[in-house]
Amino acid sequence: MPALPHPVIGCDIGKTTIVVFDSGSRRLSTIANQSEALADFANSLPPDGLVICEATGGHEALLLDALARAGRSAHRADARKVKAFIRSHGTLGKSDAIDARALARYGIERHASLPRWQPAEPTRERLHALIMTRRDIVAERTAWSHRQAAPGAAAAADFVNPILACFDDQLRAINAAIETLIASSQPLMHTVQRLHAIPGIGLTTAAALAALMPELGTLPRRQAAALAGLAPHPNQSGKADRYRRTRGGRPEIKRVLFMAALAAARHHPTLSRFHQRLIARGKKPIVALVAVMRKLIILCNAQLRKPA
């Protein structure tokens, strides 16, 4: 087992401040969530320590950037796992200090299995931001189009139609920005083209996978499925053996793959036959489709693992 990092630092991150617990000195402190303060904090840490923080909607970005610049190790923890860890120790209360201590303890107990955070390649990070913004625009446009089609909506058409037109304009603009960004990066272009070569994977899906799952092509097949939230987990109790459920992973990848799997189930020469066999065996349509999604992400991973 790797040696225990010393110290392990738990950081509970807020929008303006960060509560810090140092496992070595057992001291709590508070620092500003600002670049200059975080740079001083990162440079003050011993080189063999480990900082644990949670993903907090982007408020952790400045801290992680400062740690990377200072060459300090960090792990960005899944908030659900940390919450379950805290409850497993019988802690029911919640405060910034409690969370900072719990994050440090989490790092001490699980440091050997925690992946160290690596800064994203800048172009891919910009693509990620564009893809997530596009997703939000599509969701909002869908909601407003449902409102437009609702009974009695004609009275508000003069207000709804311009909003839908605005969403359409923004979608065209962001699609163009995504295409321009991909064209500016040879590695991204190569990734998107290889993914697009798979029947069922359109250019939009290929770009989204390149942004949301940069690990594709570097993982074993089962780990790729798990990271995409498509690993089936046993659901057994006694003699009962129920449908296995997929859970965990990155939910946004599952959303992207859903429409791709519908296309692959019709047009991919291998996956279409696989889907038909599952249906013929009496599998529920959604179960068969999720199985296609899992096969599809494994194919994407294998495609990028092949030598160019």
C-alpha atoms as a PDB file:
ATOM      1  CA  MET A   1       0.000   0.000   0.000  1.00  0.00           C
ATOM      2  CA  PRO A   2       1.320   3.489  -0.799  1.00  0.00           C
ATOM      3  CA  ALA A   3       2.586   5.507   2.133  1.00  0.00           C
ATOM      4  CA  LEU A   4       0.035   7.756   3.814  1.00  0.00           C
ATOM      5  CA  PRO A   5       0.344  11.331   2.527  1.00  0.00           C
ATOM      6  CA  HIS A   6       1.258  13.795   5.239  1.00  0.00           C
ATOM      7  CA  PRO A   7      -0.643  15.851   5.922  1.00  0.00           C
ATOM      8  CA  VAL A   8      -4.067  15.162   4.449  1.00  0.00           C
ATOM      9  CA  ILE A   9      -5.985  18.416   4.069  1.00  0.00           C
ATOM     10  CA  GLY A  10      -9.772  18.539   3.987  1.00  0.00           C
ATOM     11  CA  CYS A  11     -11.225  21.579   2.202  1.00  0.00           C
ATOM     12  CA  ASP A  12     -14.919  22.400   2.455  1.00  0.00           C
ATOM     13  CA  ILE A  13     -15.480  24.840  -0.388  1.00  0.00           C
ATOM     14  CA  GLY A  14     -17.914  27.730  -0.431  1.00  0.00           C
ATOM     15  CA  LYS A  15     -18.496  30.422  -2.971  1.00  0.00           C
ATOM     16  CA  THR A  16     -16.352  33.015  -1.154  1.00  0.00           C
ATOM     17  CA  THR A  17     -14.421  31.074   1.510  1.00  0.00           C
ATOM     18  CA  ILE A  18     -12.888  27.635   2.094  1.00  0.00           C
ATOM     19  CA  VAL A  19     -12.759  25.929   5.493  1.00  0.00           C
ATOM     20  CA  VAL A  20      -9.524  23.944   5.824  1.00  0.00           C
ATOM     21  CA  PHE A  21      -8.706  21.110   8.226  1.00  0.00           C
ATOM     22  CA  ASP A  22      -5.080  19.971   8.521  1.00  0.00           C
ATOM     23  CA  SER A  23      -4.739  16.358   9.726  1.00  0.00           C
ATOM     24  CA  GLY A  24      -1.173  17.010  10.848  1.00  0.00           C
ATOM     25  CA  SER A  25      -1.694  20.026  13.086  1.00  0.00           C
ATOM     26  CA  ARG A  26      -5.405  19.230  13.724  1.00  0.00           C
ATOM     27  CA  ARG A  27      -6.138  22.898  13.083  1.00  0.00           C
ATOM     28  CA  LEU A  28      -9.134  24.466  11.374  1.00  0.00           C
ATOM     29  CA  SER A  29      -8.737  27.658   9.364  1.00  0.00           C
ATOM     30  CA  THR A  30     -10.595  29.677   6.766  1.00  0.00           C
ATOM     31  CA  ILE A  31      -9.145  31.153   3.585  1.00  0.00           C
ATOM     32  CA  ALA A  32     -10.667  33.281   0.837  1.00  0.00           C
ATOM     33  CA  ASN A  33     -11.702  31.496  -2.330  1.00  0.00           C
ATOM     34  CA  GLN A  34      -9.598  33.865  -4.421  1.00  0.00           C
ATOM     35  CA  SER A  35      -6.637  33.208  -6.681  1.00  0.00           C
ATOM     36  CA  GLU A  36      -3.978  35.088  -4.681  1.00  0.00           C
ATOM     37  CA  ALA A  37      -4.959  33.594  -1.310  1.00  0.00           C
ATOM     38  CA  LEU A  38      -5.164  30.096  -2.784  1.00  0.00           C
ATOM     39  CA  ALA A  39      -1.754  30.423  -4.448  1.00  0.00           C
ATOM     40  CA  ASP A  40      -0.210  31.321  -1.070  1.00  0.00           C
ATOM     41  CA  PHE A  41      -2.066  28.407   0.560  1.00  0.00           C
ATOM     42  CA  ALA A  42      -0.936  25.869  -2.075  1.00  0.00           C
ATOM     43  CA  ASN A  43       2.700  26.983  -1.913  1.00  0.00           C
ATOM     44  CA  SER A  44       2.664  26.648   1.885  1.00  0.00           C
ATOM     45  CA  LEU A  45       1.733  22.946   1.785  1.00  0.00           C
ATOM     46  CA  PRO A  46       4.336  20.177   2.121  1.00  0.00           C
ATOM     47  CA  PRO A  47       5.066  18.501  -1.240  1.00  0.00           C
ATOM     48  CA  ASP A  48       4.039  15.028   0.007  1.00  0.00           C
ATOM     49  CA  GLY A  49       0.596  16.062   1.294  1.00  0.00           C
ATOM     50  CA  LEU A  50      -2.824  15.440  -0.223  1.00  0.00           C
ATOM     51  CA  VAL A  51      -5.736  17.864  -0.488  1.00  0.00           C
ATOM     52  CA  ILE A  52      -9.298  16.510  -0.590  1.00  0.00           C
ATOM     53  CA  CYS A  53     -12.203  18.630  -1.777  1.00  0.00           C
ATOM     54  CA  GLU A  54     -15.644  18.000  -3.243  1.00  0.00           C
ATOM     55  CA  ALA A  55     -17.000  18.911  -6.640  1.00  0.00           C
ATOM     56  CA  THR A  56     -19.120  21.989  -5.926  1.00  0.00           C
ATOM     57  CA  GLY A  57     -20.365  23.208  -9.278  1.00  0.00           C
ATOM     58  CA  GLY A  58     -17.087  24.829 -10.266  1.00  0.00           C
ATOM     59  CA  HIS A  59     -16.305  26.731  -7.048  1.00  0.00           C
ATOM     60  CA  GLU A  60     -13.432  24.295  -6.489  1.00  0.00           C
ATOM     61  CA  ALA A  61     -11.728  25.273  -9.769  1.00  0.00           C
ATOM     62  CA  LEU A  62      -9.528  28.042  -8.336  1.00  0.00           C
ATOM     63  CA  LEU A  63      -8.250  25.774  -5.562  1.00  0.00           C
ATOM     64  CA  LEU A  64      -7.449  22.908  -7.925  1.00  0.00           C
ATOM     65  CA  ASP A  65      -5.723  25.263 -10.339  1.00  0.00           C
ATOM     66  CA  ALA A  66      -3.574  26.715  -7.546  1.00  0.00           C
ATOM     67  CA  LEU A  67      -2.625  23.241  -6.329  1.00  0.00           C
ATOM     68  CA  ALA A  68      -1.693  22.115  -9.850  1.00  0.00           C
ATOM     69  CA  ARG A  69       0.492  25.191 -10.362  1.00  0.00           C
ATOM     70  CA  ALA A  70       2.241  24.510  -7.046  1.00  0.00           C
ATOM     71  CA  GLY A  71       2.723  20.818  -7.861  1.00  0.00           C
ATOM     72  CA  ARG A  72       0.598  19.591  -4.943  1.00  0.00           C
ATOM     73  CA  SER A  73      -1.579  16.473  -5.081  1.00  0.00           C
ATOM     74  CA  ALA A  74      -5.358  16.743  -4.844  1.00  0.00           C
ATOM     75  CA  HIS A  75      -8.438  14.578  -5.176  1.00  0.00           C
ATOM     76  CA  ARG A  76     -11.840  15.938  -6.194  1.00  0.00           C
ATOM     77  CA  ALA A  77     -14.270  13.659  -4.389  1.00  0.00           C
ATOM     78  CA  ASP A  78     -17.757  12.593  -5.412  1.00  0.00           C
ATOM     79  CA  ALA A  79     -20.103  14.415  -3.013  1.00  0.00           C
ATOM     80  CA  ARG A  80     -22.415  11.383  -2.777  1.00  0.00           C
ATOM     81  CA  LYS A  81     -19.579   9.122  -1.677  1.00  0.00           C
ATOM     82  CA  VAL A  82     -18.388  11.614   0.921  1.00  0.00           C
ATOM     83  CA  LYS A  83     -21.915  12.037   2.268  1.00  0.00           C
ATOM     84  CA  ALA A  84     -22.295   8.253   2.633  1.00  0.00           C
ATOM     85  CA  PHE A  85     -18.848   8.107   4.282  1.00  0.00           C
ATOM     86  CA  ILE A  86     -19.852  10.747   6.837  1.00  0.00           C
ATOM     87  CA  ARG A  87     -23.091   8.940   7.686  1.00  0.00           C
ATOM     88  CA  SER A  88     -21.275   5.609   8.002  1.00  0.00           C
ATOM     89  CA  HIS A  89     -19.432   7.094  10.984  1.00  0.00           C
ATOM     90  CA  GLY A  90     -22.702   8.044  12.671  1.00  0.00           C
ATOM     91  CA  THR A  91     -22.375  11.783  12.040  1.00  0.00           C
ATOM     92  CA  LEU A  92     -25.779  13.375  11.463  1.00  0.00           C
ATOM     93  CA  GLY A  93     -24.897  17.031  11.903  1.00  0.00           C
ATOM     94  CA  LYS A  94     -23.601  19.231   9.123  1.00  0.00           C
ATOM     95  CA  SER A  95     -21.342  22.261   9.190  1.00  0.00           C
ATOM     96  CA  ASP A  96     -18.366  23.485   7.229  1.00  0.00           C
ATOM     97  CA  ALA A  97     -16.021  22.352  10.007  1.00  0.00           C
ATOM     98  CA  ILE A  98     -17.597  18.883  10.187  1.00  0.00           C
ATOM     99  CA  ASP A  99     -17.319  18.481   6.419  1.00  0.00           C
ATOM    100  CA  ALA A 100     -13.683  19.646   6.315  1.00  0.00           C
ATOM    101  CA  ARG A 101     -12.729  17.146   9.036  1.00  0.00           C
ATOM    102  CA  ALA A 102     -14.666  14.381   7.276  1.00  0.00           C
ATOM    103  CA  LEU A 103     -12.920  15.092   3.966  1.00  0.00           C
ATOM    104  CA  ALA A 104      -9.531  14.788   5.640  1.00  0.00           C
ATOM    105  CA  ARG A 105     -10.568  11.508   7.282  1.00  0.00           C
ATOM    106  CA  TYR A 106     -11.883  10.272   3.930  1.00  0.00           C
ATOM    107  CA  GLY A 107      -8.489  10.968   2.387  1.00  0.00           C
ATOM    108  CA  ILE A 108      -6.614   9.245   5.228  1.00  0.00           C
ATOM    109  CA  GLU A 109      -8.687   6.068   4.994  1.00  0.00           C
ATOM    110  CA  ARG A 110      -8.916   5.834   1.185  1.00  0.00           C
ATOM    111  CA  HIS A 111      -5.849   7.635  -0.139  1.00  0.00           C
ATOM    112  CA  ALA A 112      -4.482   4.508  -1.871  1.00  0.00           C
ATOM    113  CA  SER A 113      -7.503   4.206  -4.173  1.00  0.00           C
ATOM    114  CA  LEU A 114      -8.217   7.886  -4.818  1.00  0.00           C
ATOM    115  CA  PRO A 115      -7.219   9.158  -8.286  1.00  0.00           C
ATOM    116  CA  ARG A 116      -5.216  12.366  -8.207  1.00  0.00           C
ATOM    117  CA  TRP A 117      -6.772  15.308  -9.981  1.00  0.00           C
ATOM    118  CA  GLN A 118      -5.215  16.275 -13.297  1.00  0.00           C
ATOM    119  CA  PRO A 119      -5.930  19.642 -14.977  1.00  0.00           C
ATOM    120  CA  ALA A 120      -7.865  19.362 -18.199  1.00  0.00           C
ATOM    121  CA  GLU A 121      -6.284  20.280 -21.531  1.00  0.00           C
ATOM    122  CA  PRO A 122      -7.458  23.885 -22.179  1.00  0.00           C
ATOM    123  CA  THR A 123      -9.097  23.245 -25.556  1.00  0.00           C
ATOM    124  CA  ARG A 124     -10.989  20.238 -24.246  1.00  0.00           C
ATOM    125  CA  GLU A 125     -12.050  22.253 -21.203  1.00  0.00           C
ATOM    126  CA  ARG A 126     -13.507  24.942 -23.468  1.00  0.00           C
ATOM    127  CA  LEU A 127     -15.289  22.245 -25.469  1.00  0.00           C
ATOM    128  CA  HIS A 128     -16.742  20.862 -22.240  1.00  0.00           C
ATOM    129  CA  ALA A 129     -18.140  24.288 -21.353  1.00  0.00           C
ATOM    130  CA  LEU A 130     -19.695  24.680 -24.815  1.00  0.00           C
ATOM    131  CA  ILE A 131     -21.205  21.180 -24.773  1.00  0.00           C
ATOM    132  CA  MET A 132     -22.764  21.683 -21.333  1.00  0.00           C
ATOM    133  CA  THR A 133     -24.145  25.080 -22.357  1.00  0.00           C
ATOM    134  CA  ARG A 134     -25.600  23.570 -25.519  1.00  0.00           C
ATOM    135  CA  ARG A 135     -27.270  20.875 -23.411  1.00  0.00           C
ATOM    136  CA  ASP A 136     -28.905  23.540 -21.234  1.00  0.00           C
ATOM    137  CA  ILE A 137     -30.099  25.524 -24.252  1.00  0.00           C
ATOM    138  CA  VAL A 138     -31.655  22.400 -25.787  1.00  0.00           C
ATOM    139  CA  ALA A 139     -33.398  21.586 -22.510  1.00  0.00           C
ATOM    140  CA  GLU A 140     -34.800  25.102 -22.208  1.00  0.00           C
ATOM    141  CA  ARG A 141     -35.921  25.138 -25.820  1.00  0.00           C
ATOM    142  CA  THR A 142     -37.713  21.822 -25.324  1.00  0.00           C
ATOM    143  CA  ALA A 143     -39.501  23.173 -22.251  1.00  0.00           C
ATOM    144  CA  TRP A 144     -40.640  26.308 -24.100  1.00  0.00           C
ATOM    145  CA  SER A 145     -41.749  24.307 -27.150  1.00  0.00           C
ATOM    146  CA  HIS A 146     -43.928  22.169 -24.848  1.00  0.00           C
ATOM    147  CA  ARG A 147     -45.350  25.349 -23.408  1.00  0.00           C
ATOM    148  CA  GLN A 148     -46.098  26.579 -26.922  1.00  0.00           C
ATOM    149  CA  ALA A 149     -47.984  23.347 -27.699  1.00  0.00           C
ATOM    150  CA  ALA A 150     -49.991  23.331 -24.452  1.00  0.00           C
ATOM    151  CA  PRO A 151     -53.770  23.909 -24.553  1.00  0.00           C
ATOM    152  CA  GLY A 152     -54.618  27.599 -24.396  1.00  0.00           C
ATOM    153  CA  ALA A 153     -51.078  28.661 -25.322  1.00  0.00           C
ATOM    154  CA  ALA A 154     -52.202  30.670 -28.350  1.00  0.00           C
ATOM    155  CA  ALA A 155     -52.828  33.731 -26.168  1.00  0.00           C
ATOM    156  CA  ALA A 156     -49.125  33.829 -25.260  1.00  0.00           C
ATOM    157  CA  ALA A 157     -47.753  32.965 -28.706  1.00  0.00           C
ATOM    158  CA  ASP A 158     -46.501  36.514 -29.323  1.00  0.00           C
ATOM    159  CA  PHE A 159     -44.254  36.134 -26.268  1.00  0.00           C
ATOM    160  CA  VAL A 160     -43.232  32.479 -26.640  1.00  0.00           C
ATOM    161  CA  ASN A 161     -42.329  32.503 -30.340  1.00  0.00           C
ATOM    162  CA  PRO A 162     -39.567  35.149 -29.998  1.00  0.00           C
ATOM    163  CA  ILE A 163     -38.058  33.150 -27.124  1.00  0.00           C
ATOM    164  CA  LEU A 164     -37.973  30.006 -29.263  1.00  0.00           C
ATOM    165  CA  ALA A 165     -36.442  31.977 -32.127  1.00  0.00           C
ATOM    166  CA  CYS A 166     -33.753  33.243 -29.752  1.00  0.00           C
ATOM    167  CA  PHE A 167     -32.972  29.691 -28.640  1.00  0.00           C
ATOM    168  CA  ASP A 168     -32.688  28.625 -32.295  1.00  0.00           C
ATOM    169  CA  ASP A 169     -30.243  31.463 -32.984  1.00  0.00           C
ATOM    170  CA  GLN A 170     -28.141  30.540 -29.973  1.00  0.00           C
ATOM    171  CA  LEU A 171     -28.095  26.867 -30.942  1.00  0.00           C
ATOM    172  CA  ARG A 172     -26.840  27.726 -34.418  1.00  0.00           C
ATOM    173  CA  ALA A 173     -24.172  29.987 -32.922  1.00  0.00           C
ATOM    174  CA  ILE A 174     -22.966  27.487 -30.339  1.00  0.00           C
ATOM    175  CA  ASN A 175     -22.915  24.658 -32.901  1.00  0.00           C
ATOM    176  CA  ALA A 176     -20.698  26.824 -35.091  1.00  0.00           C
ATOM    177  CA  ALA A 177     -18.444  27.612 -32.118  1.00  0.00           C
ATOM    178  CA  ILE A 178     -18.115  23.898 -31.309  1.00  0.00           C
ATOM    179  CA  GLU A 179     -17.188  23.078 -34.911  1.00  0.00           C
ATOM    180  CA  THR A 180     -14.610  25.881 -35.002  1.00  0.00           C
ATOM    181  CA  LEU A 181     -13.043  24.790 -31.731  1.00  0.00           C
ATOM    182  CA  ILE A 182     -12.756  21.161 -32.812  1.00  0.00           C
ATOM    183  CA  ALA A 183     -11.263  22.192 -36.151  1.00  0.00           C
ATOM    184  CA  SER A 184      -8.609  24.224 -34.307  1.00  0.00           C
ATOM    185  CA  SER A 185      -7.313  21.196 -32.393  1.00  0.00           C
ATOM    186  CA  GLN A 186      -5.783  18.246 -34.251  1.00  0.00           C
ATOM    187  CA  PRO A 187      -6.177  15.812 -31.293  1.00  0.00           C
ATOM    188  CA  LEU A 188      -9.837  16.767 -30.836  1.00  0.00           C
ATOM    189  CA  MET A 189     -10.515  16.526 -34.560  1.00  0.00           C
ATOM    190  CA  HIS A 190      -8.879  13.088 -34.644  1.00  0.00           C
ATOM    191  CA  THR A 191     -10.971  11.881 -31.689  1.00  0.00           C
ATOM    192  CA  VAL A 192     -14.248  13.188 -33.092  1.00  0.00           C
ATOM    193  CA  GLN A 193     -13.610  11.713 -36.539  1.00  0.00           C
ATOM    194  CA  ARG A 194     -12.799   8.269 -35.155  1.00  0.00           C
ATOM    195  CA  LEU A 195     -15.900   8.261 -32.968  1.00  0.00           C
ATOM    196  CA  HIS A 196     -18.069   9.514 -35.835  1.00  0.00           C
ATOM    197  CA  ALA A 197     -16.923   6.494 -37.887  1.00  0.00           C
ATOM    198  CA  ILE A 198     -19.008   4.248 -35.589  1.00  0.00           C
ATOM    199  CA  PRO A 199     -22.560   3.775 -36.967  1.00  0.00           C
ATOM    200  CA  GLY A 200     -24.989   5.538 -34.625  1.00  0.00           C
ATOM    201  CA  ILE A 201     -22.454   8.104 -33.387  1.00  0.00           C
ATOM    202  CA  GLY A 202     -23.214  11.447 -35.024  1.00  0.00           C
ATOM    203  CA  LEU A 203     -20.937  14.460 -34.976  1.00  0.00           C
ATOM    204  CA  THR A 204     -22.826  16.035 -32.073  1.00  0.00           C
ATOM    205  CA  THR A 205     -22.548  12.850 -30.001  1.00  0.00           C
ATOM    206  CA  ALA A 206     -18.874  12.429 -30.920  1.00  0.00           C
ATOM    207  CA  ALA A 207     -18.096  15.987 -29.823  1.00  0.00           C
ATOM    208  CA  ALA A 208     -20.006  15.486 -26.572  1.00  0.00           C
ATOM    209  CA  LEU A 209     -18.158  12.246 -25.776  1.00  0.00           C
ATOM    210  CA  ALA A 210     -14.815  13.900 -26.503  1.00  0.00           C
ATOM    211  CA  ALA A 211     -15.687  16.653 -24.019  1.00  0.00           C
ATOM    212  CA  LEU A 212     -17.468  14.677 -21.310  1.00  0.00           C
ATOM    213  CA  MET A 213     -15.264  11.577 -21.265  1.00  0.00           C
ATOM    214  CA  PRO A 214     -11.688  12.516 -22.196  1.00  0.00           C
ATOM    215  CA  GLU A 215     -10.536   9.216 -20.642  1.00  0.00           C
ATOM    216  CA  LEU A 216     -11.980   7.285 -23.614  1.00  0.00           C
ATOM    217  CA  GLY A 217      -9.299   5.192 -25.240  1.00  0.00           C
ATOM    218  CA  THR A 218      -7.188   4.914 -22.089  1.00  0.00           C
ATOM    219  CA  LEU A 219      -9.430   2.643 -19.978  1.00  0.00           C
ATOM    220  CA  PRO A 220     -10.189  -1.079 -19.754  1.00  0.00           C
ATOM    221  CA  ARG A 221     -13.620  -1.888 -21.179  1.00  0.00           C
ATOM    222  CA  ARG A 222     -15.353  -2.448 -17.842  1.00  0.00           C
ATOM    223  CA  GLN A 223     -13.935   0.712 -16.347  1.00  0.00           C
ATOM    224  CA  ALA A 224     -15.138   2.677 -19.380  1.00  0.00           C
ATOM    225  CA  ALA A 225     -18.662   1.297 -18.904  1.00  0.00           C
ATOM    226  CA  ALA A 226     -18.583   2.105 -15.188  1.00  0.00           C
ATOM    227  CA  LEU A 227     -17.379   5.665 -15.776  1.00  0.00           C
ATOM    228  CA  ALA A 228     -20.262   6.171 -18.193  1.00  0.00           C
ATOM    229  CA  GLY A 229     -22.707   4.885 -15.564  1.00  0.00           C
ATOM    230  CA  LEU A 230     -23.516   1.804 -17.645  1.00  0.00           C
ATOM    231  CA  ALA A 231     -22.059  -0.997 -15.534  1.00  0.00           C
ATOM    232  CA  PRO A 232     -24.834  -3.415 -14.452  1.00  0.00           C
ATOM    233  CA  HIS A 233     -24.787  -4.022 -10.695  1.00  0.00           C
ATOM    234  CA  PRO A 234     -26.193  -7.250  -9.176  1.00  0.00           C
ATOM    235  CA  ASN A 235     -29.623  -7.033  -7.551  1.00  0.00           C
ATOM    236  CA  GLN A 236     -29.903 -10.325  -5.678  1.00  0.00           C
ATOM    237  CA  SER A 237     -31.405 -11.322  -2.360  1.00  0.00           C
ATOM    238  CA  GLY A 238     -31.808 -14.950  -1.319  1.00  0.00           C
ATOM    239  CA  LYS A 239     -33.238 -16.869  -4.264  1.00  0.00           C
ATOM    240  CA  ALA A 240     -34.433 -13.703  -5.998  1.00  0.00           C
ATOM    241  CA  ASP A 241     -32.283 -12.547  -8.901  1.00  0.00           C
ATOM    242  CA  ARG A 242     -33.769  -9.340 -10.271  1.00  0.00           C
ATOM    243  CA  TYR A 243     -32.770  -7.104 -13.166  1.00  0.00           C
ATOM    244  CA  ARG A 244     -29.347  -5.643 -12.680  1.00  0.00           C
ATOM    245  CA  ARG A 245     -29.376  -1.866 -12.472  1.00  0.00           C
ATOM    246  CA  THR A 246     -26.918   0.654 -13.849  1.00  0.00           C
ATOM    247  CA  ARG A 247     -25.997   3.435 -11.467  1.00  0.00           C
ATOM    248  CA  GLY A 248     -23.211   5.844 -10.664  1.00  0.00           C
ATOM    249  CA  GLY A 249     -20.851   7.244 -13.271  1.00  0.00           C
ATOM    250  CA  ARG A 250     -21.440  10.463 -15.171  1.00  0.00           C
ATOM    251  CA  PRO A 251     -25.154  10.895 -15.873  1.00  0.00           C
ATOM    252  CA  GLU A 252     -24.603  13.368 -18.707  1.00  0.00           C
ATOM    253  CA  ILE A 253     -22.844  10.632 -20.719  1.00  0.00           C
ATOM    254  CA  LYS A 254     -25.856   8.358 -20.398  1.00  0.00           C
ATOM    255  CA  ARG A 255     -28.079  11.149 -21.746  1.00  0.00           C
ATOM    256  CA  VAL A 256     -25.786  11.605 -24.737  1.00  0.00           C
ATOM    257  CA  LEU A 257     -25.640   7.876 -25.482  1.00  0.00           C
ATOM    258  CA  PHE A 258     -29.410   7.317 -25.267  1.00  0.00           C
ATOM    259  CA  MET A 259     -30.210   8.818 -28.687  1.00  0.00           C
ATOM    260  CA  ALA A 260     -27.045   7.304 -30.172  1.00  0.00           C
ATOM    261  CA  ALA A 261     -28.138   3.862 -28.958  1.00  0.00           C
ATOM    262  CA  LEU A 262     -31.532   4.290 -30.630  1.00  0.00           C
ATOM    263  CA  ALA A 263     -29.740   4.917 -33.931  1.00  0.00           C
ATOM    264  CA  ALA A 264     -27.220   2.114 -33.384  1.00  0.00           C
ATOM    265  CA  ALA A 265     -30.010  -0.358 -32.569  1.00  0.00           C
ATOM    266  CA  ARG A 266     -31.341   0.278 -36.089  1.00  0.00           C
ATOM    267  CA  HIS A 267     -28.257   0.878 -38.196  1.00  0.00           C
ATOM    268  CA  HIS A 268     -25.152  -0.646 -36.569  1.00  0.00           C
ATOM    269  CA  PRO A 269     -24.566  -4.056 -38.224  1.00  0.00           C
ATOM    270  CA  THR A 270     -23.588  -5.766 -34.965  1.00  0.00           C
ATOM    271  CA  LEU A 271     -25.522  -3.840 -32.341  1.00  0.00           C
ATOM    272  CA  SER A 272     -28.796  -4.052 -34.260  1.00  0.00           C
ATOM    273  CA  ARG A 273     -28.600  -7.864 -34.210  1.00  0.00           C
ATOM    274  CA  PHE A 274     -27.587  -7.765 -30.538  1.00  0.00           C
ATOM    275  CA  HIS A 275     -30.615  -5.584 -29.746  1.00  0.00           C
ATOM    276  CA  GLN A 276     -32.958  -7.886 -31.676  1.00  0.00           C
ATOM    277  CA  ARG A 277     -31.647 -10.955 -29.813  1.00  0.00           C
ATOM    278  CA  LEU A 278     -32.308  -9.302 -26.451  1.00  0.00           C
ATOM    279  CA  ILE A 279     -35.854  -8.362 -27.458  1.00  0.00           C
ATOM    280  CA  ALA A 280     -36.456 -11.900 -28.776  1.00  0.00           C
ATOM    281  CA  ARG A 281     -35.344 -13.277 -25.390  1.00  0.00           C
ATOM    282  CA  GLY A 282     -38.051 -11.214 -23.703  1.00  0.00           C
ATOM    283  CA  LYS A 283     -35.908  -8.392 -22.339  1.00  0.00           C
ATOM    284  CA  LYS A 284     -37.745  -5.143 -21.662  1.00  0.00           C
ATOM    285  CA  PRO A 285     -37.129  -2.535 -24.389  1.00  0.00           C
ATOM    286  CA  ILE A 286     -35.369  -0.155 -21.988  1.00  0.00           C
ATOM    287  CA  VAL A 287     -33.149  -2.972 -20.689  1.00  0.00           C
ATOM    288  CA  ALA A 288     -32.176  -3.913 -24.236  1.00  0.00           C
ATOM    289  CA  LEU A 289     -31.470  -0.290 -25.088  1.00  0.00           C
ATOM    290  CA  VAL A 290     -29.255   0.219 -22.019  1.00  0.00           C
ATOM    291  CA  ALA A 291     -27.338  -2.914 -23.024  1.00  0.00           C
ATOM    292  CA  VAL A 292     -26.784  -1.322 -26.454  1.00  0.00           C
ATOM    293  CA  MET A 293     -25.589   1.861 -24.730  1.00  0.00           C
ATOM    294  CA  ARG A 294     -23.058  -0.161 -22.770  1.00  0.00           C
ATOM    295  CA  LYS A 295     -21.821  -1.943 -25.887  1.00  0.00           C
ATOM    296  CA  LEU A 296     -21.617   1.394 -27.670  1.00  0.00           C
ATOM    297  CA  ILE A 297     -19.384   3.072 -25.082  1.00  0.00           C
ATOM    298  CA  ILE A 298     -17.152  -0.015 -25.075  1.00  0.00           C
ATOM    299  CA  LEU A 299     -16.906   0.229 -28.874  1.00  0.00           C
ATOM    300  CA  CYS A 300     -16.016   3.925 -28.604  1.00  0.00           C
ATOM    301  CA  ASN A 301     -13.308   3.121 -26.075  1.00  0.00           C
ATOM    302  CA  ALA A 302     -11.924   0.315 -28.261  1.00  0.00           C
ATOM    303  CA  GLN A 303     -12.014   2.567 -31.342  1.00  0.00           C
ATOM    304  CA  LEU A 304      -9.796   5.146 -29.641  1.00  0.00           C
ATOM    305  CA  ARG A 305      -7.464   2.486 -28.241  1.00  0.00           C
ATOM    306  CA  LYS A 306      -6.588   1.300 -31.755  1.00  0.00           C
ATOM    307  CA  PRO A 307      -3.346   2.656 -33.217  1.00  0.00           C
ATOM    308  CA  ALA A 308      -4.013   5.583 -35.543  1.00  0.00           C
END
